[in-house]
Amino acid sequence: MTTTTAPPDGGITIHVKDPAHLIAAVPHLLGFRPANSVVLVGSGGAAGKSVGPVLRLDLPASEREDEAAAALSALLTRHPIASATIVIVGRPPGHPPDRGDRPASRFVRALAAALRALGRPVEHAFWTPEIRAGAPWSCYDDPDCAGVLPDDAATPVAAALASRGFVTFDSREQMARLLDPDDPVAVARRERLLEHRLEALGDRAEQDSYAESFREVGQALARARTGPPELSDEQVVRLALALSDMRVRDACLAAALPAGSEQSMRAEALWLELVRKTPAPERAEAATLLGYSAYARGEGAFARIAFENALTAMPGHTLADLLARCLDVGLPPERVRNLAHVGDLVRLLASAIPGPRPAGPGEP
């Protein structure tokens, strides 16, 4: 499983000559504390200190090292970086904990060679058993290069990212639990309500349904801008039905712009609340919007978890699958932002105000 995360626009300056602080920055750059992983930290800028994309992959078994090295290096070179740093955390499958050599040594050599072949030299390669205060670290190419990690929460990178609203989870699993149902009994209750509502709608005219759905979501987004979303069962059901109209859902992609802004984070909070309150398969639409918003602002790890959630709720969900594939090939966040159209958001919010219905797709 590959995780790609891009730092906030403008980059972050860190001292790449300080190995301990660079390693300690990894959980905050990824969004979670990695275990048994290889992490590639791209760097660029005039002084080579601007952090580019950060890629993480589960450490491969020995028979898949060359394949993983080729795939990971190809992903990194899709981004405009000058060099890379390799950080190995933990041990690959089958590596005895009492063996004297550094874990994944052959894999590190293969990865460095693959990156060099693509014109991206490796500045450093480090190993640590875990990223925690007091954990030892060492270099692969210099036996005298070693030390102890500082408290990662106290590093400048952690402070810089926290000030921008980024949260670091203790593990990927902990991050995924953020999307768990708030109350399974309540979710089951809403599932029954949804079934009854769908039966009652029957063959209702599509255009009327679209206009109401558009207005429903516009009102919810307007409310979300004034405070944390608090949704009743009835509101969850209405929003789930509204987002099931692909025209409405696709218009909601625009709520992710400007990426990372206060208004986009308010919308993201609404999608998260809907993911936690909505039953499958309808949950897939809110999860896809949540993932898109995270992707657009560079939180690849959280975006992937949201897309996985959507595909679990509705296997084969077209948009979630497409966006997950974009992550797989390392498509930068600024490219996927082109999916959203600001005009759609203007129409959504305008629909929250009483008056003529918004124009449908293809209408002026």
Protein backbone atom coordinates (compact mmCIF):
# COMPACT_ATOMS: atom_id res chain seq x y z
CA MET A 1 0.00 0.00 0.00
CA THR A 2 1.45 3.34 -1.09
CA THR A 3 0.78 6.65 0.63
CA THR A 4 1.61 9.93 -1.10
CA THR A 5 1.43 13.20 0.81
CA ALA A 6 2.27 16.66 -0.44
CA PRO A 7 3.17 19.41 2.05
CA PRO A 8 1.13 22.62 2.07
CA ASP A 9 1.65 24.96 -0.87
CA GLY A 10 4.87 26.87 -0.51
CA GLY A 11 6.72 23.95 1.00
CA ILE A 12 8.36 23.58 4.38
CA THR A 13 12.00 24.34 5.03
CA ILE A 14 13.80 21.79 7.19
CA HIS A 15 17.46 21.16 7.88
CA VAL A 16 18.20 18.06 5.84
CA LYS A 17 21.70 17.93 7.37
CA ASP A 18 20.15 17.12 10.74
CA PRO A 19 19.16 13.45 10.33
CA ALA A 20 17.40 13.12 13.68
CA HIS A 21 15.05 16.04 13.01
CA LEU A 22 14.40 14.91 9.44
CA ILE A 23 13.42 11.41 10.60
CA ALA A 24 11.32 12.87 13.42
CA ALA A 25 9.45 15.02 10.89
CA VAL A 26 8.18 12.00 8.93
CA PRO A 27 5.01 11.26 10.99
CA HIS A 28 3.92 14.88 10.69
CA LEU A 29 4.61 15.01 6.96
CA LEU A 30 2.66 11.78 6.41
CA GLY A 31 -0.12 12.49 8.88
CA PHE A 32 0.48 9.31 10.87
CA ARG A 33 3.31 7.39 12.52
CA PRO A 34 4.55 4.75 10.06
CA ALA A 35 5.58 1.22 11.05
CA ASN A 36 7.49 -1.36 9.00
CA SER A 37 7.63 1.13 6.13
CA VAL A 38 9.91 2.73 3.60
CA VAL A 39 9.46 6.49 3.38
CA LEU A 40 10.82 8.63 0.55
CA VAL A 41 11.15 12.33 1.29
CA GLY A 42 11.60 14.42 -1.83
CA SER A 43 13.47 17.71 -1.62
CA GLY A 44 14.01 20.62 -3.94
CA GLY A 45 14.22 24.39 -4.01
CA ALA A 46 17.30 26.55 -4.42
CA ALA A 47 19.02 25.16 -1.32
CA GLY A 48 17.48 21.68 -1.52
CA LYS A 49 15.62 22.23 1.75
CA SER A 50 12.06 22.53 0.50
CA VAL A 51 10.20 19.31 1.20
CA GLY A 52 8.39 17.90 -1.81
CA PRO A 53 6.16 14.83 -1.86
CA VAL A 54 6.49 12.23 0.88
CA LEU A 55 5.83 8.64 -0.19
CA ARG A 56 5.33 5.63 2.08
CA LEU A 57 5.15 1.95 1.22
CA ASP A 58 4.90 -1.16 3.37
CA LEU A 59 8.34 -2.75 3.44
CA PRO A 60 8.30 -5.43 0.73
CA ALA A 61 9.23 -9.08 1.12
CA SER A 62 12.68 -9.91 -0.28
CA GLU A 63 11.30 -11.38 -3.53
CA ARG A 64 9.47 -8.13 -4.32
CA GLU A 65 12.20 -5.62 -3.47
CA ASP A 66 13.21 -4.84 -7.06
CA GLU A 67 9.59 -4.40 -8.14
CA ALA A 68 8.87 -2.10 -5.19
CA ALA A 69 12.04 -0.06 -5.81
CA ALA A 70 11.10 0.52 -9.46
CA ALA A 71 7.51 1.47 -8.64
CA LEU A 72 8.37 3.81 -5.78
CA SER A 73 11.13 5.63 -7.66
CA ALA A 74 8.85 6.10 -10.68
CA LEU A 75 6.17 7.61 -8.44
CA LEU A 76 8.59 10.07 -6.87
CA THR A 77 9.94 11.29 -10.20
CA ARG A 78 6.46 12.41 -11.24
CA HIS A 79 7.10 15.38 -8.95
CA PRO A 80 9.59 18.24 -9.54
CA ILE A 81 12.18 17.23 -6.94
CA ALA A 82 15.98 17.31 -7.13
CA SER A 83 16.89 14.54 -4.69
CA ALA A 84 15.46 12.21 -2.09
CA THR A 85 16.07 10.83 1.38
CA ILE A 86 15.22 7.22 2.25
CA VAL A 87 13.92 6.43 5.73
CA ILE A 88 13.36 2.79 6.70
CA VAL A 89 11.16 2.32 9.76
CA GLY A 90 11.00 -1.11 11.39
CA ARG A 91 11.68 -4.36 9.57
CA PRO A 92 10.49 -6.10 6.39
CA PRO A 93 8.60 -9.39 6.55
CA GLY A 94 10.78 -12.29 7.62
CA HIS A 95 13.67 -10.22 8.98
CA PRO A 96 14.72 -11.65 12.37
CA PRO A 97 14.86 -8.91 15.04
CA ASP A 98 18.18 -10.24 16.39
CA ARG A 99 20.07 -10.13 13.08
CA GLY A 100 23.08 -7.85 13.24
CA ASP A 101 22.73 -6.00 9.91
CA ARG A 102 20.43 -3.09 9.28
CA PRO A 103 17.05 -4.27 7.95
CA ALA A 104 16.26 -3.88 4.24
CA SER A 105 19.88 -3.12 3.26
CA ARG A 106 19.52 -4.73 -0.16
CA PHE A 107 16.23 -2.94 -0.77
CA VAL A 108 17.81 0.41 0.09
CA ARG A 109 20.59 -0.23 -2.44
CA ALA A 110 18.05 -1.21 -5.11
CA LEU A 111 15.91 1.86 -4.41
CA ALA A 112 18.91 4.21 -4.48
CA ALA A 113 20.04 2.72 -7.80
CA ALA A 114 16.56 3.09 -9.30
CA LEU A 115 16.37 6.73 -8.22
CA ARG A 116 19.85 7.51 -9.58
CA ALA A 117 18.90 5.95 -12.91
CA LEU A 118 16.00 8.39 -13.08
CA GLY A 119 18.19 11.39 -12.24
CA ARG A 120 17.22 11.72 -8.58
CA PRO A 121 20.22 11.10 -6.32
CA VAL A 122 19.73 9.88 -2.76
CA GLU A 123 21.12 12.35 -0.24
CA HIS A 124 20.73 10.11 2.82
CA ALA A 125 19.44 6.68 3.81
CA PHE A 126 18.47 6.09 7.44
CA TRP A 127 17.06 3.29 9.56
CA THR A 128 15.17 3.46 12.83
CA PRO A 129 13.11 0.77 14.58
CA GLU A 130 10.34 3.31 15.23
CA ILE A 131 9.84 7.05 15.23
CA ARG A 132 9.59 7.82 18.93
CA ALA A 133 11.52 10.02 21.33
CA GLY A 134 14.69 8.19 22.35
CA ALA A 135 14.61 5.62 19.54
CA PRO A 136 18.01 4.94 17.92
CA TRP A 137 18.69 5.79 14.30
CA SER A 138 21.64 5.08 12.02
CA CYS A 139 22.86 5.58 8.46
CA TYR A 140 23.17 2.79 5.93
CA ASP A 141 26.42 4.06 4.39
CA ASP A 142 28.36 5.29 7.44
CA PRO A 143 28.81 3.17 10.58
CA ASP A 144 29.70 6.28 12.60
CA CYS A 145 26.51 8.08 11.58
CA ALA A 146 24.01 7.35 14.34
CA GLY A 147 22.10 8.93 17.19
CA VAL A 148 18.86 9.15 19.12
CA LEU A 149 15.59 10.68 17.92
CA PRO A 150 14.14 13.76 19.64
CA ASP A 151 10.50 14.13 20.64
CA ASP A 152 8.91 14.47 17.20
CA ALA A 153 6.02 16.55 18.59
CA ALA A 154 8.51 19.22 19.66
CA THR A 155 10.17 19.65 16.25
CA PRO A 156 9.74 22.81 14.14
CA VAL A 157 8.05 20.82 11.36
CA ALA A 158 5.44 19.49 13.81
CA ALA A 159 4.76 23.01 15.04
CA ALA A 160 4.52 24.42 11.52
CA LEU A 161 2.06 21.77 10.37
CA ALA A 162 -0.02 21.93 13.54
CA SER A 163 -0.37 25.69 13.08
CA ARG A 164 -1.90 24.99 9.65
CA GLY A 165 -4.44 22.58 11.07
CA PHE A 166 -2.71 19.31 10.20
CA VAL A 167 -3.24 16.47 12.67
CA THR A 168 -0.77 13.62 13.23
CA PHE A 169 -2.22 10.24 14.17
CA ASP A 170 -0.39 7.56 16.10
CA SER A 171 -0.96 5.05 13.30
CA ARG A 172 -2.74 4.66 9.99
CA GLU A 173 -5.33 2.52 11.77
CA GLN A 174 -6.07 5.34 14.20
CA MET A 175 -6.56 7.70 11.28
CA ALA A 176 -8.97 5.25 9.64
CA ARG A 177 -11.02 4.98 12.84
CA LEU A 178 -11.92 8.65 12.44
CA LEU A 179 -14.37 7.48 9.75
CA ASP A 180 -15.98 4.75 11.88
CA PRO A 181 -19.77 4.98 12.44
CA ASP A 182 -20.65 7.28 15.32
CA ASP A 183 -23.35 4.87 16.55
CA PRO A 184 -24.02 1.55 14.74
CA VAL A 185 -27.55 1.39 16.15
CA ALA A 186 -28.32 4.88 14.84
CA VAL A 187 -26.81 4.03 11.44
CA ALA A 188 -29.08 0.97 11.22
CA ARG A 189 -32.05 3.17 12.10
CA ARG A 190 -31.16 5.61 9.33
CA GLU A 191 -30.80 2.71 6.90
CA ARG A 192 -34.43 1.77 7.52
CA LEU A 193 -35.47 5.41 7.11
CA LEU A 194 -33.62 5.57 3.79
CA GLU A 195 -35.33 2.42 2.55
CA HIS A 196 -38.76 3.81 3.43
CA ARG A 197 -37.96 7.16 1.79
CA LEU A 198 -36.80 5.50 -1.42
CA GLU A 199 -40.00 3.47 -1.57
CA ALA A 200 -42.07 6.60 -1.03
CA LEU A 201 -40.26 8.54 -3.77
CA GLY A 202 -41.12 5.96 -6.39
CA ASP A 203 -41.07 7.39 -9.92
CA ARG A 204 -40.86 11.02 -8.89
CA ALA A 205 -39.82 13.39 -11.68
CA GLU A 206 -36.05 13.53 -11.93
CA GLN A 207 -35.87 17.28 -12.46
CA ASP A 208 -37.90 18.07 -9.35
CA SER A 209 -35.74 15.66 -7.36
CA TYR A 210 -32.60 17.33 -8.69
CA ALA A 211 -33.76 20.82 -7.74
CA GLU A 212 -34.65 19.74 -4.22
CA SER A 213 -31.40 17.81 -3.82
CA PHE A 214 -29.36 20.76 -4.99
CA ARG A 215 -31.10 23.05 -2.52
CA GLU A 216 -30.74 20.54 0.34
CA VAL A 217 -26.97 20.31 -0.01
CA GLY A 218 -26.60 24.05 -0.56
CA GLN A 219 -28.38 24.72 2.72
CA ALA A 220 -26.22 22.16 4.55
CA LEU A 221 -23.03 23.76 3.22
CA ALA A 222 -24.27 27.20 4.22
CA ARG A 223 -24.99 25.96 7.75
CA ALA A 224 -21.57 24.28 7.93
CA ARG A 225 -19.92 27.64 7.35
CA THR A 226 -21.35 28.94 10.63
CA GLY A 227 -20.30 26.09 12.93
CA PRO A 228 -19.74 22.35 13.40
CA PRO A 229 -22.37 20.25 11.61
CA GLU A 230 -25.08 18.76 13.83
CA LEU A 231 -27.28 16.47 11.79
CA SER A 232 -30.57 14.87 12.74
CA ASP A 233 -31.61 11.51 11.30
CA GLU A 234 -33.94 13.30 8.91
CA GLN A 235 -31.16 15.59 7.67
CA VAL A 236 -28.78 12.65 7.18
CA VAL A 237 -31.40 10.83 5.12
CA ARG A 238 -32.17 13.88 2.97
CA LEU A 239 -28.49 14.63 2.36
CA ALA A 240 -27.70 10.99 1.57
CA LEU A 241 -30.45 10.98 -1.05
CA ALA A 242 -29.34 14.35 -2.43
CA LEU A 243 -25.73 13.25 -2.87
CA SER A 244 -26.89 10.08 -4.61
CA ASP A 245 -27.62 12.35 -7.57
CA MET A 246 -24.25 12.42 -9.33
CA ARG A 247 -24.90 15.92 -10.67
CA VAL A 248 -25.25 17.24 -7.13
CA ARG A 249 -22.31 15.24 -5.82
CA ASP A 250 -20.04 16.40 -8.63
CA ALA A 251 -21.02 20.02 -8.02
CA CYS A 252 -19.95 19.52 -4.40
CA LEU A 253 -16.36 18.89 -5.49
CA ALA A 254 -16.05 22.66 -5.72
CA ALA A 255 -16.50 22.92 -1.95
CA ALA A 256 -12.89 21.69 -1.66
CA LEU A 257 -11.63 24.98 -3.12
CA PRO A 258 -9.61 26.94 -2.28
CA ALA A 259 -7.83 23.83 -1.01
CA GLY A 260 -7.12 24.00 2.71
CA SER A 261 -9.11 27.21 3.22
CA GLU A 262 -11.40 27.65 6.19
CA GLN A 263 -14.49 27.31 4.03
CA SER A 264 -13.23 24.08 2.43
CA MET A 265 -12.41 22.64 5.85
CA ARG A 266 -15.96 23.45 7.01
CA ALA A 267 -17.32 21.53 4.04
CA GLU A 268 -14.91 18.68 4.77
CA ALA A 269 -16.24 18.52 8.34
CA LEU A 270 -19.73 18.09 6.89
CA TRP A 271 -18.61 15.23 4.63
CA LEU A 272 -16.85 13.53 7.55
CA GLU A 273 -19.94 13.79 9.72
CA LEU A 274 -22.02 12.29 6.92
CA VAL A 275 -19.56 9.42 6.47
CA ARG A 276 -19.89 8.59 10.16
CA LYS A 277 -23.69 8.81 10.15
CA THR A 278 -24.73 7.41 6.76
CA PRO A 279 -25.25 3.71 6.02
CA ALA A 280 -23.82 1.91 2.99
CA PRO A 281 -24.07 2.18 0.06
CA GLU A 282 -25.13 5.85 0.25
CA ARG A 283 -22.12 6.58 2.50
CA ALA A 284 -19.84 6.23 -0.54
CA GLU A 285 -20.73 9.66 -1.93
CA ALA A 286 -19.80 11.59 1.22
CA ALA A 287 -16.64 9.49 1.61
CA THR A 288 -15.61 10.32 -1.96
CA LEU A 289 -16.13 14.05 -1.36
CA LEU A 290 -14.15 13.76 1.88
CA GLY A 291 -11.30 12.02 0.08
CA TYR A 292 -11.30 14.54 -2.75
CA SER A 293 -11.07 17.45 -0.32
CA ALA A 294 -8.16 15.81 1.51
CA TYR A 295 -6.42 14.98 -1.78
CA ALA A 296 -6.82 18.54 -3.07
CA ARG A 297 -5.03 19.96 -0.01
CA GLY A 298 -2.21 17.38 -0.12
CA GLU A 299 -3.32 14.93 2.59
CA GLY A 300 -2.82 11.79 0.53
CA ALA A 301 -2.92 9.40 3.47
CA PHE A 302 -6.32 10.59 4.66
CA ALA A 303 -7.61 10.78 1.09
CA ARG A 304 -6.73 7.13 0.47
CA ILE A 305 -8.50 6.04 3.65
CA ALA A 306 -11.62 7.94 2.57
CA PHE A 307 -11.58 6.38 -0.91
CA GLU A 308 -11.16 2.92 0.65
CA ASN A 309 -14.16 3.69 2.83
CA ALA A 310 -16.19 4.68 -0.23
CA LEU A 311 -15.21 1.55 -2.14
CA THR A 312 -16.09 -0.62 0.85
CA ALA A 313 -19.52 0.99 1.01
CA MET A 314 -20.03 0.70 -2.75
CA PRO A 315 -17.54 -1.60 -4.54
CA GLY A 316 -16.69 -0.28 -7.98
CA HIS A 317 -17.72 3.31 -7.17
CA THR A 318 -16.48 5.08 -10.29
CA LEU A 319 -15.26 8.42 -8.92
CA ALA A 320 -13.70 6.96 -5.77
CA ASP A 321 -11.89 4.36 -7.87
CA LEU A 322 -10.68 7.00 -10.33
CA LEU A 323 -9.32 9.25 -7.58
CA ALA A 324 -7.67 6.31 -5.81
CA ARG A 325 -5.93 5.46 -9.09
CA CYS A 326 -4.76 9.07 -9.36
CA LEU A 327 -3.15 8.63 -5.95
CA ASP A 328 -1.61 5.34 -7.06
CA VAL A 329 0.20 6.99 -9.97
CA GLY A 330 1.27 10.00 -7.91
CA LEU A 331 -0.87 12.63 -9.61
CA PRO A 332 -0.12 15.90 -7.75
CA PRO A 333 -2.96 17.61 -5.81
CA GLU A 334 -2.93 20.65 -8.08
CA ARG A 335 -3.89 18.43 -11.01
CA VAL A 336 -6.95 16.90 -9.33
CA ARG A 337 -8.16 20.33 -8.27
CA ASN A 338 -9.11 20.85 -11.91
CA LEU A 339 -12.04 18.46 -11.40
CA ALA A 340 -13.84 21.08 -9.33
CA HIS A 341 -15.52 24.18 -10.71
CA VAL A 342 -16.01 27.21 -8.52
CA GLY A 343 -19.21 28.10 -10.37
CA ASP A 344 -20.81 24.93 -9.02
CA LEU A 345 -20.18 26.03 -5.45
CA VAL A 346 -21.64 29.46 -6.12
CA ARG A 347 -24.80 27.82 -7.44
CA LEU A 348 -24.97 25.41 -4.50
CA LEU A 349 -24.76 28.19 -1.94
CA ALA A 350 -27.15 30.38 -3.92
CA SER A 351 -29.65 27.54 -3.87
CA ALA A 352 -29.80 27.82 -0.08
CA ILE A 353 -31.47 31.21 -0.50
CA PRO A 354 -35.20 31.15 -1.33
CA GLY A 355 -35.87 32.04 -4.93
CA PRO A 356 -35.79 30.50 -8.42
CA ARG A 357 -34.31 27.01 -8.58
CA PRO A 358 -30.68 26.70 -9.78
CA ALA A 359 -30.05 25.82 -13.38
CA GLY A 360 -29.45 22.14 -13.99
CA PRO A 361 -26.50 20.69 -15.91
CA GLY A 362 -26.46 21.98 -19.45
CA GLU A 363 -28.71 24.90 -18.56
CA PRO A 364 -27.46 28.53 -18.60
